[in-house]
Amino acid sequence: MDFSEIDYLLNLARLDISSEEKEKIAHDLAKILDYVNQLQQVNTEGLEPMDGGTFLENIWRADEINPQKVNLKQEGYFTVPPIFE
């Protein structure tokens, strides 16, 4: 990545940085782009895409109203005991 591209990005971001910082950014961006290029080379043919990173399923319990903890009669709203006093 050359400095004209970095200058363009800095202009878009409305940033003004020193030449030393530009060199560091150029180096870091080059490493990132090399890594992205490596990822593009991975053969993913035949693999199904994942939508959440895992195959875990939701294990939440069903909602149940516990009449001892909930008062349903206060102006039509649910009320619960306070957590903090």
N, C-alpha and C. Protein backbone atom coordinates (compact mmCIF):
# COMPACT_ATOMS: atom_id res chain seq x y z
N MET A 1 0.86 -1.18 0.00
CA MET A 1 0.00 0.00 0.00
C MET A 1 0.90 1.23 0.00
N ASP A 2 0.66 2.12 -0.93
CA ASP A 2 1.53 3.30 -1.01
C ASP A 2 0.91 4.48 -0.25
N PHE A 3 1.72 5.52 -0.13
CA PHE A 3 1.32 6.67 0.70
C PHE A 3 0.18 7.47 0.08
N SER A 4 0.00 7.39 -1.24
CA SER A 4 -1.11 8.13 -1.84
C SER A 4 -2.45 7.53 -1.38
N GLU A 5 -2.50 6.21 -1.26
CA GLU A 5 -3.72 5.56 -0.76
C GLU A 5 -3.95 5.89 0.71
N ILE A 6 -2.88 5.91 1.47
CA ILE A 6 -3.00 6.25 2.90
C ILE A 6 -3.43 7.71 3.05
N ASP A 7 -2.85 8.59 2.25
CA ASP A 7 -3.26 10.00 2.30
C ASP A 7 -4.74 10.15 1.95
N TYR A 8 -5.19 9.37 0.98
CA TYR A 8 -6.60 9.41 0.59
C TYR A 8 -7.49 8.97 1.77
N LEU A 9 -7.12 7.87 2.42
CA LEU A 9 -7.89 7.39 3.57
C LEU A 9 -7.86 8.39 4.72
N LEU A 10 -6.71 8.98 4.97
CA LEU A 10 -6.60 9.97 6.04
C LEU A 10 -7.45 11.19 5.73
N ASN A 11 -7.51 11.58 4.47
CA ASN A 11 -8.34 12.70 4.07
C ASN A 11 -9.82 12.38 4.30
N LEU A 12 -10.23 11.16 3.94
CA LEU A 12 -11.62 10.75 4.18
C LEU A 12 -11.96 10.78 5.66
N ALA A 13 -11.00 10.38 6.49
CA ALA A 13 -11.22 10.33 7.93
C ALA A 13 -10.96 11.68 8.61
N ARG A 14 -10.52 12.65 7.81
CA ARG A 14 -10.20 13.98 8.34
C ARG A 14 -9.14 13.91 9.45
N LEU A 15 -8.09 13.12 9.17
CA LEU A 15 -7.00 12.95 10.13
C LEU A 15 -5.72 13.55 9.56
N ASP A 16 -4.92 14.10 10.43
CA ASP A 16 -3.62 14.64 10.05
C ASP A 16 -2.59 14.00 10.98
N ILE A 17 -1.71 13.17 10.42
CA ILE A 17 -0.75 12.47 11.25
C ILE A 17 0.66 12.69 10.70
N SER A 18 1.65 12.35 11.52
CA SER A 18 3.05 12.54 11.13
C SER A 18 3.47 11.48 10.11
N SER A 19 4.60 11.72 9.47
CA SER A 19 5.10 10.78 8.46
C SER A 19 5.50 9.45 9.11
N GLU A 20 5.97 9.49 10.36
CA GLU A 20 6.32 8.24 11.06
C GLU A 20 5.07 7.40 11.29
N GLU A 21 3.97 8.06 11.65
CA GLU A 21 2.72 7.34 11.86
C GLU A 21 2.19 6.78 10.54
N LYS A 22 2.38 7.53 9.45
CA LYS A 22 1.96 7.04 8.14
C LYS A 22 2.73 5.77 7.77
N GLU A 23 4.02 5.74 8.07
CA GLU A 23 4.83 4.56 7.77
C GLU A 23 4.34 3.36 8.57
N LYS A 24 4.02 3.60 9.83
CA LYS A 24 3.51 2.51 10.66
C LYS A 24 2.16 2.02 10.14
N ILE A 25 1.29 2.94 9.78
CA ILE A 25 -0.02 2.57 9.24
C ILE A 25 0.15 1.80 7.93
N ALA A 26 1.08 2.24 7.08
CA ALA A 26 1.32 1.55 5.81
C ALA A 26 1.77 0.12 6.07
N HIS A 27 2.66 -0.04 7.03
CA HIS A 27 3.16 -1.38 7.38
C HIS A 27 2.02 -2.24 7.93
N ASP A 28 1.22 -1.69 8.85
CA ASP A 28 0.12 -2.44 9.47
C ASP A 28 -0.95 -2.81 8.43
N LEU A 29 -1.30 -1.87 7.56
CA LEU A 29 -2.29 -2.16 6.53
C LEU A 29 -1.79 -3.21 5.55
N ALA A 30 -0.52 -3.18 5.23
CA ALA A 30 0.05 -4.18 4.33
C ALA A 30 -0.06 -5.57 4.96
N LYS A 31 0.21 -5.67 6.26
CA LYS A 31 0.08 -6.95 6.96
C LYS A 31 -1.36 -7.43 6.96
N ILE A 32 -2.30 -6.50 7.19
CA ILE A 32 -3.72 -6.87 7.19
C ILE A 32 -4.15 -7.37 5.82
N LEU A 33 -3.75 -6.64 4.79
CA LEU A 33 -4.12 -7.04 3.43
C LEU A 33 -3.48 -8.37 3.03
N ASP A 34 -2.25 -8.62 3.48
CA ASP A 34 -1.61 -9.91 3.22
C ASP A 34 -2.39 -11.04 3.89
N TYR A 35 -2.86 -10.80 5.10
CA TYR A 35 -3.64 -11.80 5.81
C TYR A 35 -4.96 -12.07 5.11
N VAL A 36 -5.63 -11.02 4.66
CA VAL A 36 -6.88 -11.18 3.92
C VAL A 36 -6.62 -11.97 2.64
N ASN A 37 -5.51 -11.71 1.99
CA ASN A 37 -5.15 -12.46 0.79
C ASN A 37 -4.96 -13.94 1.11
N GLN A 38 -4.32 -14.23 2.23
CA GLN A 38 -4.15 -15.63 2.66
C GLN A 38 -5.51 -16.29 2.89
N LEU A 39 -6.43 -15.56 3.51
CA LEU A 39 -7.75 -16.12 3.76
C LEU A 39 -8.49 -16.40 2.46
N GLN A 40 -8.28 -15.57 1.45
CA GLN A 40 -8.94 -15.77 0.16
C GLN A 40 -8.41 -17.01 -0.55
N GLN A 41 -7.22 -17.45 -0.20
CA GLN A 41 -6.61 -18.62 -0.84
C GLN A 41 -7.13 -19.93 -0.25
N VAL A 42 -7.80 -19.88 0.90
CA VAL A 42 -8.27 -21.10 1.56
C VAL A 42 -9.39 -21.72 0.73
N ASN A 43 -9.28 -23.02 0.50
CA ASN A 43 -10.29 -23.74 -0.28
C ASN A 43 -11.49 -24.02 0.62
N THR A 44 -12.60 -23.38 0.32
CA THR A 44 -13.82 -23.56 1.11
C THR A 44 -14.91 -24.27 0.31
N GLU A 45 -14.54 -24.83 -0.81
CA GLU A 45 -15.53 -25.50 -1.66
C GLU A 45 -16.08 -26.72 -0.91
N GLY A 46 -17.39 -26.85 -0.93
CA GLY A 46 -18.04 -27.98 -0.27
C GLY A 46 -18.36 -27.73 1.20
N LEU A 47 -17.93 -26.60 1.74
CA LEU A 47 -18.24 -26.27 3.13
C LEU A 47 -19.48 -25.39 3.19
N GLU A 48 -20.39 -25.73 4.10
CA GLU A 48 -21.58 -24.91 4.24
C GLU A 48 -21.26 -23.71 5.11
N PRO A 49 -21.81 -22.55 4.77
CA PRO A 49 -21.55 -21.36 5.59
C PRO A 49 -22.17 -21.51 6.97
N MET A 50 -21.51 -20.90 7.94
CA MET A 50 -22.04 -20.87 9.31
C MET A 50 -22.68 -19.52 9.54
N ASP A 51 -23.74 -19.49 10.31
CA ASP A 51 -24.41 -18.22 10.53
C ASP A 51 -24.18 -17.66 11.92
N GLY A 52 -23.55 -18.38 12.81
CA GLY A 52 -23.36 -17.83 14.14
C GLY A 52 -22.04 -18.22 14.77
N GLY A 53 -21.25 -18.98 14.09
CA GLY A 53 -19.96 -19.34 14.63
C GLY A 53 -19.96 -20.67 15.36
N THR A 54 -21.13 -21.15 15.78
CA THR A 54 -21.21 -22.43 16.47
C THR A 54 -22.47 -23.16 16.01
N PHE A 55 -22.56 -24.40 16.40
CA PHE A 55 -23.76 -25.18 16.11
C PHE A 55 -24.60 -25.38 17.37
N LEU A 56 -24.36 -24.57 18.38
CA LEU A 56 -25.12 -24.69 19.62
C LEU A 56 -26.56 -24.27 19.42
N GLU A 57 -27.44 -24.86 20.20
CA GLU A 57 -28.84 -24.51 20.13
C GLU A 57 -29.24 -23.79 21.40
N ASN A 58 -30.26 -22.98 21.29
CA ASN A 58 -30.77 -22.23 22.43
C ASN A 58 -31.37 -23.19 23.45
N ILE A 59 -31.03 -23.03 24.72
CA ILE A 59 -31.53 -23.93 25.76
C ILE A 59 -32.31 -23.18 26.84
N TRP A 60 -32.92 -22.07 26.45
CA TRP A 60 -33.69 -21.30 27.42
C TRP A 60 -34.90 -22.08 27.88
N ARG A 61 -35.26 -21.88 29.13
CA ARG A 61 -36.47 -22.52 29.65
C ARG A 61 -37.69 -21.74 29.20
N ALA A 62 -38.82 -22.38 29.24
CA ALA A 62 -40.06 -21.71 28.88
C ALA A 62 -40.42 -20.70 29.98
N ASP A 63 -40.99 -19.57 29.58
CA ASP A 63 -41.42 -18.57 30.55
C ASP A 63 -42.63 -19.08 31.32
N GLU A 64 -42.58 -18.92 32.63
CA GLU A 64 -43.70 -19.31 33.47
C GLU A 64 -43.97 -18.18 34.46
N ILE A 65 -45.23 -17.90 34.69
CA ILE A 65 -45.58 -16.88 35.67
C ILE A 65 -45.64 -17.52 37.04
N ASN A 66 -44.88 -16.98 37.97
CA ASN A 66 -44.89 -17.45 39.35
C ASN A 66 -45.72 -16.45 40.15
N PRO A 67 -46.95 -16.83 40.53
CA PRO A 67 -47.83 -15.89 41.21
C PRO A 67 -47.26 -15.36 42.53
N GLN A 68 -46.31 -16.06 43.12
CA GLN A 68 -45.73 -15.59 44.37
C GLN A 68 -44.79 -14.41 44.15
N LYS A 69 -44.23 -14.29 42.97
CA LYS A 69 -43.27 -13.22 42.70
C LYS A 69 -43.82 -12.10 41.85
N VAL A 70 -44.97 -12.31 41.22
CA VAL A 70 -45.49 -11.31 40.30
C VAL A 70 -46.88 -10.89 40.74
N ASN A 71 -47.10 -9.59 40.81
CA ASN A 71 -48.41 -9.06 41.11
C ASN A 71 -48.99 -8.51 39.81
N LEU A 72 -50.04 -9.16 39.31
CA LEU A 72 -50.62 -8.77 38.04
C LEU A 72 -51.75 -7.76 38.18
N LYS A 73 -52.04 -7.33 39.38
CA LYS A 73 -53.24 -6.54 39.59
C LYS A 73 -53.00 -5.07 39.81
N GLN A 74 -51.80 -4.57 39.70
CA GLN A 74 -51.53 -3.17 39.98
C GLN A 74 -51.66 -2.35 38.70
N GLU A 75 -52.79 -1.76 38.48
CA GLU A 75 -53.08 -0.89 37.34
C GLU A 75 -52.82 -1.54 35.99
N GLY A 76 -53.00 -2.84 35.91
CA GLY A 76 -52.84 -3.54 34.65
C GLY A 76 -51.40 -3.81 34.24
N TYR A 77 -50.43 -3.51 35.10
CA TYR A 77 -49.01 -3.73 34.78
C TYR A 77 -48.44 -4.84 35.64
N PHE A 78 -47.41 -5.47 35.15
CA PHE A 78 -46.67 -6.44 35.95
C PHE A 78 -45.84 -5.69 36.97
N THR A 79 -45.80 -6.16 38.16
CA THR A 79 -44.90 -5.62 39.16
C THR A 79 -44.11 -6.77 39.77
N VAL A 80 -42.88 -6.52 40.05
CA VAL A 80 -42.00 -7.54 40.64
C VAL A 80 -41.31 -6.92 41.84
N PRO A 81 -40.84 -7.74 42.76
CA PRO A 81 -40.12 -7.18 43.91
C PRO A 81 -38.86 -6.44 43.44
N PRO A 82 -38.49 -5.35 44.12
CA PRO A 82 -37.30 -4.60 43.71
C PRO A 82 -36.03 -5.40 43.93
N ILE A 83 -35.06 -5.13 43.08
CA ILE A 83 -33.76 -5.78 43.22
C ILE A 83 -32.91 -5.01 44.20
N PHE A 84 -32.96 -3.67 44.11
CA PHE A 84 -32.19 -2.79 44.99
C PHE A 84 -33.15 -2.02 45.89
N GLU A 85 -32.68 -1.73 47.05
CA GLU A 85 -33.53 -0.93 47.95
C GLU A 85 -32.87 0.40 48.25
